[in-house]
Amino acid sequence: MMRTNTRISTARLLLVDDHQIVLDSLQLLFREMPGVEVVGTLSDSRKVITFVDTNDVDILICDLHMPRQSGLELTMALRLRHPDLKILILTMAEDATAIREAVRAGVSGYVLKRTGRNELQWAIDQLMNEGHYFSPELVGQLASFNTNGSNPIDELAILTDREIEVLTLIADERSTQQIADRLFISVPTVETHRRHLMQKLGAKSVVGMVKFAMKHGLAH
């Protein structure tokens, strides 16, 4: 699938992991990416808040499980102090419980460490432009998870703003061409968003997407 890089500005990254070899590898990887600047690396998660308080950071990339302060603890603390900061969890944890807890904490994105360079670059682009990115291989677990608790997951968090716009228009029975005209995007771009929506929502047809839209009040 061809993905277009439409990043609006240079992404300033802070990398946090308790394994130095991971930090070194990520720094080398991001050094080769256009429009990306690594402004800091930290192996001690206790130093993150002070660093973010005193430096310009667009995206914090950190592991989920770390000694001293976990990625979720950092997320909850930073959400209050820096609401515009994007937080991307880069981890080996791929179970539904971990993903659910990360979304509840307020993370902006969730990617597995086994992901490739292209996927990671796409995640950075999406975070800078849309505000969210969750690996397609994981979001199906999140979208299909059904909780009876009083604090349910915000399933819309797995969708970008543009995907929500497209989903709303699909639920309004607009054709692909009509959606393209309405959003000033191309027909192939609409089709790409449609594929992403079906994959993220675990939907097998338009009916499944419409049901999701109705559930979340997106259908008129």
C-alpha atoms as a PDB file:
ATOM      1  CA  MET A   1       0.000   0.000   0.000  1.00  0.00           C
ATOM      2  CA  MET A   2       1.361   3.413  -0.938  1.00  0.00           C
ATOM      3  CA  ARG A   3       1.348   5.849   1.921  1.00  0.00           C
ATOM      4  CA  THR A   4       1.879   9.546   1.392  1.00  0.00           C
ATOM      5  CA  ASN A   5       3.996  11.488   3.853  1.00  0.00           C
ATOM      6  CA  THR A   6       2.091  14.673   4.657  1.00  0.00           C
ATOM      7  CA  ARG A   7       3.753  15.588   7.917  1.00  0.00           C
ATOM      8  CA  ILE A   8       3.158  19.225   8.723  1.00  0.00           C
ATOM      9  CA  SER A   9       6.457  19.865  10.593  1.00  0.00           C
ATOM     10  CA  THR A  10       9.561  18.256  12.018  1.00  0.00           C
ATOM     11  CA  ALA A  11       8.702  15.754  14.723  1.00  0.00           C
ATOM     12  CA  ARG A  12      10.781  16.236  17.874  1.00  0.00           C
ATOM     13  CA  LEU A  13      11.113  12.886  19.633  1.00  0.00           C
ATOM     14  CA  LEU A  14      12.076  11.860  23.141  1.00  0.00           C
ATOM     15  CA  LEU A  15      13.013   8.170  23.336  1.00  0.00           C
ATOM     16  CA  VAL A  16      12.661   6.328  26.635  1.00  0.00           C
ATOM     17  CA  ASP A  17      13.544   2.688  27.291  1.00  0.00           C
ATOM     18  CA  ASP A  18      15.347   0.960  30.137  1.00  0.00           C
ATOM     19  CA  HIS A  19      17.525  -0.956  27.637  1.00  0.00           C
ATOM     20  CA  GLN A  20      20.333   1.165  26.208  1.00  0.00           C
ATOM     21  CA  ILE A  21      20.709  -1.053  23.152  1.00  0.00           C
ATOM     22  CA  VAL A  22      17.076  -0.312  22.233  1.00  0.00           C
ATOM     23  CA  LEU A  23      17.689   3.427  22.580  1.00  0.00           C
ATOM     24  CA  ASP A  24      20.822   3.234  20.433  1.00  0.00           C
ATOM     25  CA  SER A  25      19.022   1.254  17.731  1.00  0.00           C
ATOM     26  CA  LEU A  26      16.052   3.613  17.673  1.00  0.00           C
ATOM     27  CA  GLN A  27      18.285   6.654  17.491  1.00  0.00           C
ATOM     28  CA  LEU A  28      20.080   5.203  14.452  1.00  0.00           C
ATOM     29  CA  LEU A  29      16.755   4.350  12.857  1.00  0.00           C
ATOM     30  CA  PHE A  30      15.214   7.789  13.355  1.00  0.00           C
ATOM     31  CA  ARG A  31      18.384   9.518  12.210  1.00  0.00           C
ATOM     32  CA  GLU A  32      17.670   8.197   8.694  1.00  0.00           C
ATOM     33  CA  MET A  33      14.049   9.391   8.661  1.00  0.00           C
ATOM     34  CA  PRO A  34      13.244  12.747   7.043  1.00  0.00           C
ATOM     35  CA  GLY A  35      11.441  15.290   9.174  1.00  0.00           C
ATOM     36  CA  VAL A  36      12.396  13.637  12.462  1.00  0.00           C
ATOM     37  CA  GLU A  37      14.669  14.971  15.193  1.00  0.00           C
ATOM     38  CA  VAL A  38      15.599  13.019  18.312  1.00  0.00           C
ATOM     39  CA  VAL A  39      15.904  15.662  21.025  1.00  0.00           C
ATOM     40  CA  GLY A  40      16.749  13.247  23.807  1.00  0.00           C
ATOM     41  CA  THR A  41      17.136   9.640  24.977  1.00  0.00           C
ATOM     42  CA  LEU A  42      16.570   8.462  28.538  1.00  0.00           C
ATOM     43  CA  SER A  43      17.054   5.067  30.145  1.00  0.00           C
ATOM     44  CA  ASP A  44      15.673   6.266  33.490  1.00  0.00           C
ATOM     45  CA  SER A  45      11.955   6.960  33.220  1.00  0.00           C
ATOM     46  CA  ARG A  46      12.045   9.086  36.382  1.00  0.00           C
ATOM     47  CA  LYS A  47      13.805  11.830  34.399  1.00  0.00           C
ATOM     48  CA  VAL A  48      11.148  12.099  31.692  1.00  0.00           C
ATOM     49  CA  ILE A  49       8.836  14.660  33.291  1.00  0.00           C
ATOM     50  CA  THR A  50      11.673  17.071  34.034  1.00  0.00           C
ATOM     51  CA  PHE A  51      12.995  16.709  30.493  1.00  0.00           C
ATOM     52  CA  VAL A  52       9.600  17.380  28.933  1.00  0.00           C
ATOM     53  CA  ASP A  53       9.066  20.349  31.253  1.00  0.00           C
ATOM     54  CA  THR A  54      12.283  21.982  30.041  1.00  0.00           C
ATOM     55  CA  ASN A  55      12.492  20.929  26.365  1.00  0.00           C
ATOM     56  CA  ASP A  56      10.290  21.092  23.278  1.00  0.00           C
ATOM     57  CA  VAL A  57       9.018  17.564  22.625  1.00  0.00           C
ATOM     58  CA  ASP A  58       6.263  16.612  20.157  1.00  0.00           C
ATOM     59  CA  ILE A  59       6.248  12.846  20.661  1.00  0.00           C
ATOM     60  CA  LEU A  60       7.350  10.729  23.590  1.00  0.00           C
ATOM     61  CA  ILE A  61       8.166   7.162  22.527  1.00  0.00           C
ATOM     62  CA  CYS A  62       8.459   4.816  25.468  1.00  0.00           C
ATOM     63  CA  ASP A  63       8.092   1.200  26.505  1.00  0.00           C
ATOM     64  CA  LEU A  64       5.029   0.017  28.389  1.00  0.00           C
ATOM     65  CA  HIS A  65       6.844  -1.906  31.113  1.00  0.00           C
ATOM     66  CA  MET A  66       9.808  -0.107  32.690  1.00  0.00           C
ATOM     67  CA  PRO A  67      11.260  -0.112  36.202  1.00  0.00           C
ATOM     68  CA  ARG A  68      10.768   2.965  38.392  1.00  0.00           C
ATOM     69  CA  GLN A  69       7.992   4.485  36.244  1.00  0.00           C
ATOM     70  CA  SER A  70       5.985   2.566  33.663  1.00  0.00           C
ATOM     71  CA  GLY A  71       4.790   3.948  30.358  1.00  0.00           C
ATOM     72  CA  LEU A  72       1.245   4.157  31.718  1.00  0.00           C
ATOM     73  CA  GLU A  73       2.341   6.053  34.823  1.00  0.00           C
ATOM     74  CA  LEU A  74       4.228   8.503  32.644  1.00  0.00           C
ATOM     75  CA  THR A  75       1.222   8.903  30.383  1.00  0.00           C
ATOM     76  CA  MET A  76      -1.139   9.746  33.220  1.00  0.00           C
ATOM     77  CA  ALA A  77       1.304  12.238  34.725  1.00  0.00           C
ATOM     78  CA  LEU A  78       2.145  13.948  31.432  1.00  0.00           C
ATOM     79  CA  ARG A  79      -1.459  14.149  30.242  1.00  0.00           C
ATOM     80  CA  LEU A  80      -2.136  16.691  32.976  1.00  0.00           C
ATOM     81  CA  ARG A  81       1.045  18.733  32.505  1.00  0.00           C
ATOM     82  CA  HIS A  82       1.374  18.579  28.710  1.00  0.00           C
ATOM     83  CA  PRO A  83      -1.987  17.773  27.080  1.00  0.00           C
ATOM     84  CA  ASP A  84      -0.627  18.419  23.557  1.00  0.00           C
ATOM     85  CA  LEU A  85       2.210  15.924  23.924  1.00  0.00           C
ATOM     86  CA  LYS A  86       1.761  12.776  21.805  1.00  0.00           C
ATOM     87  CA  ILE A  87       2.694   9.565  23.606  1.00  0.00           C
ATOM     88  CA  LEU A  88       3.529   6.481  21.549  1.00  0.00           C
ATOM     89  CA  ILE A  89       3.919   3.164  23.357  1.00  0.00           C
ATOM     90  CA  LEU A  90       6.532   0.969  21.651  1.00  0.00           C
ATOM     91  CA  THR A  91       6.395  -2.413  23.325  1.00  0.00           C
ATOM     92  CA  MET A  92       6.327  -6.193  23.056  1.00  0.00           C
ATOM     93  CA  ALA A  93       3.013  -6.382  24.969  1.00  0.00           C
ATOM     94  CA  GLU A  94       0.243  -7.208  22.509  1.00  0.00           C
ATOM     95  CA  ASP A  95      -2.505  -8.619  24.722  1.00  0.00           C
ATOM     96  CA  ALA A  96      -5.896  -6.930  24.799  1.00  0.00           C
ATOM     97  CA  THR A  97      -5.589  -6.025  28.477  1.00  0.00           C
ATOM     98  CA  ALA A  98      -2.376  -4.073  27.954  1.00  0.00           C
ATOM     99  CA  ILE A  99      -3.833  -2.219  24.976  1.00  0.00           C
ATOM    100  CA  ARG A 100      -7.030  -1.458  26.878  1.00  0.00           C
ATOM    101  CA  GLU A 101      -5.128  -0.044  29.863  1.00  0.00           C
ATOM    102  CA  ALA A 102      -2.955   2.074  27.576  1.00  0.00           C
ATOM    103  CA  VAL A 103      -5.991   3.622  25.892  1.00  0.00           C
ATOM    104  CA  ARG A 104      -7.604   4.304  29.249  1.00  0.00           C
ATOM    105  CA  ALA A 105      -4.423   6.044  30.417  1.00  0.00           C
ATOM    106  CA  GLY A 106      -4.586   8.336  27.391  1.00  0.00           C
ATOM    107  CA  VAL A 107      -1.807   7.188  25.063  1.00  0.00           C
ATOM    108  CA  SER A 108      -1.826   8.585  21.535  1.00  0.00           C
ATOM    109  CA  GLY A 109      -0.520   5.460  19.870  1.00  0.00           C
ATOM    110  CA  TYR A 110       0.517   1.850  20.363  1.00  0.00           C
ATOM    111  CA  VAL A 111       3.042  -0.032  18.200  1.00  0.00           C
ATOM    112  CA  LEU A 112       4.853  -3.333  18.677  1.00  0.00           C
ATOM    113  CA  LYS A 113       8.632  -3.434  18.794  1.00  0.00           C
ATOM    114  CA  ARG A 114       8.707  -5.981  16.000  1.00  0.00           C
ATOM    115  CA  THR A 115       7.224  -3.450  13.579  1.00  0.00           C
ATOM    116  CA  GLY A 116       9.248  -2.395  10.538  1.00  0.00           C
ATOM    117  CA  ARG A 117      10.779   0.967   9.722  1.00  0.00           C
ATOM    118  CA  ASN A 118       7.994   1.964   7.311  1.00  0.00           C
ATOM    119  CA  GLU A 119       5.266   1.272   9.849  1.00  0.00           C
ATOM    120  CA  LEU A 120       7.089   3.246  12.519  1.00  0.00           C
ATOM    121  CA  GLN A 121       7.561   6.209  10.187  1.00  0.00           C
ATOM    122  CA  TRP A 122       3.878   6.045   9.252  1.00  0.00           C
ATOM    123  CA  ALA A 123       3.002   6.080  12.969  1.00  0.00           C
ATOM    124  CA  ILE A 124       5.044   9.267  13.454  1.00  0.00           C
ATOM    125  CA  ASP A 125       3.333  10.898  10.466  1.00  0.00           C
ATOM    126  CA  GLN A 126      -0.112   9.964  11.757  1.00  0.00           C
ATOM    127  CA  LEU A 127       0.620  11.236  15.253  1.00  0.00           C
ATOM    128  CA  MET A 128       1.825  14.571  13.897  1.00  0.00           C
ATOM    129  CA  ASN A 129      -1.079  15.008  11.468  1.00  0.00           C
ATOM    130  CA  GLU A 130      -4.019  13.110  12.962  1.00  0.00           C
ATOM    131  CA  GLY A 131      -3.087  12.802  16.629  1.00  0.00           C
ATOM    132  CA  HIS A 132      -3.484   9.015  16.976  1.00  0.00           C
ATOM    133  CA  TYR A 133      -2.004   5.801  15.627  1.00  0.00           C
ATOM    134  CA  PHE A 134      -2.627   2.209  16.701  1.00  0.00           C
ATOM    135  CA  SER A 135      -1.130  -0.714  14.783  1.00  0.00           C
ATOM    136  CA  PRO A 136      -3.827  -2.317  12.598  1.00  0.00           C
ATOM    137  CA  GLU A 137      -2.845  -5.771  13.833  1.00  0.00           C
ATOM    138  CA  LEU A 138      -3.795  -4.736  17.379  1.00  0.00           C
ATOM    139  CA  VAL A 139      -6.828  -2.511  17.046  1.00  0.00           C
ATOM    140  CA  GLY A 140      -9.124  -5.380  16.118  1.00  0.00           C
ATOM    141  CA  GLN A 141      -8.675  -6.704  19.655  1.00  0.00           C
ATOM    142  CA  LEU A 142      -9.491  -3.292  21.065  1.00  0.00           C
ATOM    143  CA  ALA A 143     -12.511  -2.640  18.866  1.00  0.00           C
ATOM    144  CA  SER A 144     -14.046  -6.051  19.555  1.00  0.00           C
ATOM    145  CA  PHE A 145     -13.436  -5.960  23.294  1.00  0.00           C
ATOM    146  CA  ASN A 146     -16.672  -5.739  25.251  1.00  0.00           C
ATOM    147  CA  THR A 147     -16.520  -4.424  28.792  1.00  0.00           C
ATOM    148  CA  ASN A 148     -19.340  -4.289  31.322  1.00  0.00           C
ATOM    149  CA  GLY A 149     -17.458  -1.949  33.656  1.00  0.00           C
ATOM    150  CA  SER A 150     -18.538   1.572  34.465  1.00  0.00           C
ATOM    151  CA  ASN A 151     -15.464   3.010  32.753  1.00  0.00           C
ATOM    152  CA  PRO A 152     -15.662   1.670  29.162  1.00  0.00           C
ATOM    153  CA  ILE A 153     -12.962   2.117  26.527  1.00  0.00           C
ATOM    154  CA  ASP A 154     -13.315   5.005  24.152  1.00  0.00           C
ATOM    155  CA  GLU A 155     -13.262   2.903  21.005  1.00  0.00           C
ATOM    156  CA  LEU A 156     -13.104   6.048  18.865  1.00  0.00           C
ATOM    157  CA  ALA A 157      -9.560   6.568  20.156  1.00  0.00           C
ATOM    158  CA  ILE A 158      -8.335   3.988  17.642  1.00  0.00           C
ATOM    159  CA  LEU A 159      -9.551   6.127  14.733  1.00  0.00           C
ATOM    160  CA  THR A 160      -7.981   9.252  13.291  1.00  0.00           C
ATOM    161  CA  ASP A 161     -10.052  12.411  12.860  1.00  0.00           C
ATOM    162  CA  ARG A 162     -10.187  11.822   9.092  1.00  0.00           C
ATOM    163  CA  GLU A 163     -11.326   8.216   9.542  1.00  0.00           C
ATOM    164  CA  ILE A 164     -14.147   9.421  11.796  1.00  0.00           C
ATOM    165  CA  GLU A 165     -15.195  11.901   9.093  1.00  0.00           C
ATOM    166  CA  VAL A 166     -15.196   9.170   6.446  1.00  0.00           C
ATOM    167  CA  LEU A 167     -17.072   6.757   8.723  1.00  0.00           C
ATOM    168  CA  THR A 168     -19.723   9.385   9.449  1.00  0.00           C
ATOM    169  CA  LEU A 169     -20.280   9.959   5.725  1.00  0.00           C
ATOM    170  CA  ILE A 170     -20.398   6.208   5.029  1.00  0.00           C
ATOM    171  CA  ALA A 171     -23.070   5.874   7.706  1.00  0.00           C
ATOM    172  CA  ASP A 172     -24.904   8.741   5.976  1.00  0.00           C
ATOM    173  CA  GLU A 173     -25.032   6.557   2.832  1.00  0.00           C
ATOM    174  CA  ARG A 174     -22.685   8.769   0.824  1.00  0.00           C
ATOM    175  CA  SER A 175     -20.921   7.219  -2.167  1.00  0.00           C
ATOM    176  CA  THR A 176     -17.137   7.079  -2.433  1.00  0.00           C
ATOM    177  CA  GLN A 177     -17.171   9.930  -4.942  1.00  0.00           C
ATOM    178  CA  GLN A 178     -19.451  12.025  -2.725  1.00  0.00           C
ATOM    179  CA  ILE A 179     -17.164  11.477   0.253  1.00  0.00           C
ATOM    180  CA  ALA A 180     -14.146  12.486  -1.831  1.00  0.00           C
ATOM    181  CA  ASP A 181     -15.882  15.658  -2.987  1.00  0.00           C
ATOM    182  CA  ARG A 182     -17.081  16.533   0.502  1.00  0.00           C
ATOM    183  CA  LEU A 183     -13.643  16.111   2.121  1.00  0.00           C
ATOM    184  CA  PHE A 184     -11.625  17.430  -0.852  1.00  0.00           C
ATOM    185  CA  ILE A 185      -9.630  14.208  -1.146  1.00  0.00           C
ATOM    186  CA  SER A 186      -9.199  11.692  -3.958  1.00  0.00           C
ATOM    187  CA  VAL A 187     -11.311   8.575  -4.502  1.00  0.00           C
ATOM    188  CA  PRO A 188      -8.294   6.257  -3.891  1.00  0.00           C
ATOM    189  CA  THR A 189      -7.696   8.041  -0.577  1.00  0.00           C
ATOM    190  CA  VAL A 190     -11.314   7.425   0.440  1.00  0.00           C
ATOM    191  CA  GLU A 191     -10.929   3.759  -0.486  1.00  0.00           C
ATOM    192  CA  THR A 192      -7.772   3.549   1.616  1.00  0.00           C
ATOM    193  CA  HIS A 193      -9.588   5.053   4.609  1.00  0.00           C
ATOM    194  CA  ARG A 194     -12.430   2.572   4.055  1.00  0.00           C
ATOM    195  CA  ARG A 195      -9.990  -0.370   4.125  1.00  0.00           C
ATOM    196  CA  HIS A 196      -8.339   0.967   7.286  1.00  0.00           C
ATOM    197  CA  LEU A 197     -11.743   1.374   8.946  1.00  0.00           C
ATOM    198  CA  MET A 198     -12.810  -2.178   8.151  1.00  0.00           C
ATOM    199  CA  GLN A 199      -9.510  -3.510   9.449  1.00  0.00           C
ATOM    200  CA  LYS A 200      -9.523  -1.433  12.630  1.00  0.00           C
ATOM    201  CA  LEU A 201     -13.171  -2.107  13.454  1.00  0.00           C
ATOM    202  CA  GLY A 202     -13.051  -5.778  12.528  1.00  0.00           C
ATOM    203  CA  ALA A 203     -15.952  -5.131  10.145  1.00  0.00           C
ATOM    204  CA  LYS A 204     -16.586  -7.494   7.232  1.00  0.00           C
ATOM    205  CA  SER A 205     -18.833  -5.095   5.332  1.00  0.00           C
ATOM    206  CA  VAL A 206     -20.301  -1.608   5.294  1.00  0.00           C
ATOM    207  CA  VAL A 207     -23.040  -2.893   7.599  1.00  0.00           C
ATOM    208  CA  GLY A 208     -20.490  -3.526  10.341  1.00  0.00           C
ATOM    209  CA  MET A 209     -19.089  -0.009   9.975  1.00  0.00           C
ATOM    210  CA  VAL A 210     -22.565   1.523  10.082  1.00  0.00           C
ATOM    211  CA  LYS A 211     -23.377  -0.425  13.257  1.00  0.00           C
ATOM    212  CA  PHE A 212     -20.209   0.930  14.876  1.00  0.00           C
ATOM    213  CA  ALA A 213     -21.116   4.471  13.771  1.00  0.00           C
ATOM    214  CA  MET A 214     -24.621   4.126  15.212  1.00  0.00           C
ATOM    215  CA  LYS A 215     -23.258   2.772  18.478  1.00  0.00           C
ATOM    216  CA  HIS A 216     -21.084   5.868  18.878  1.00  0.00           C
ATOM    217  CA  GLY A 217     -23.599   8.430  17.693  1.00  0.00           C
ATOM    218  CA  LEU A 218     -21.922   9.119  14.337  1.00  0.00           C
ATOM    219  CA  ALA A 219     -24.912   8.130  12.218  1.00  0.00           C
ATOM    220  CA  HIS A 220     -27.446  10.868  11.572  1.00  0.00           C
END
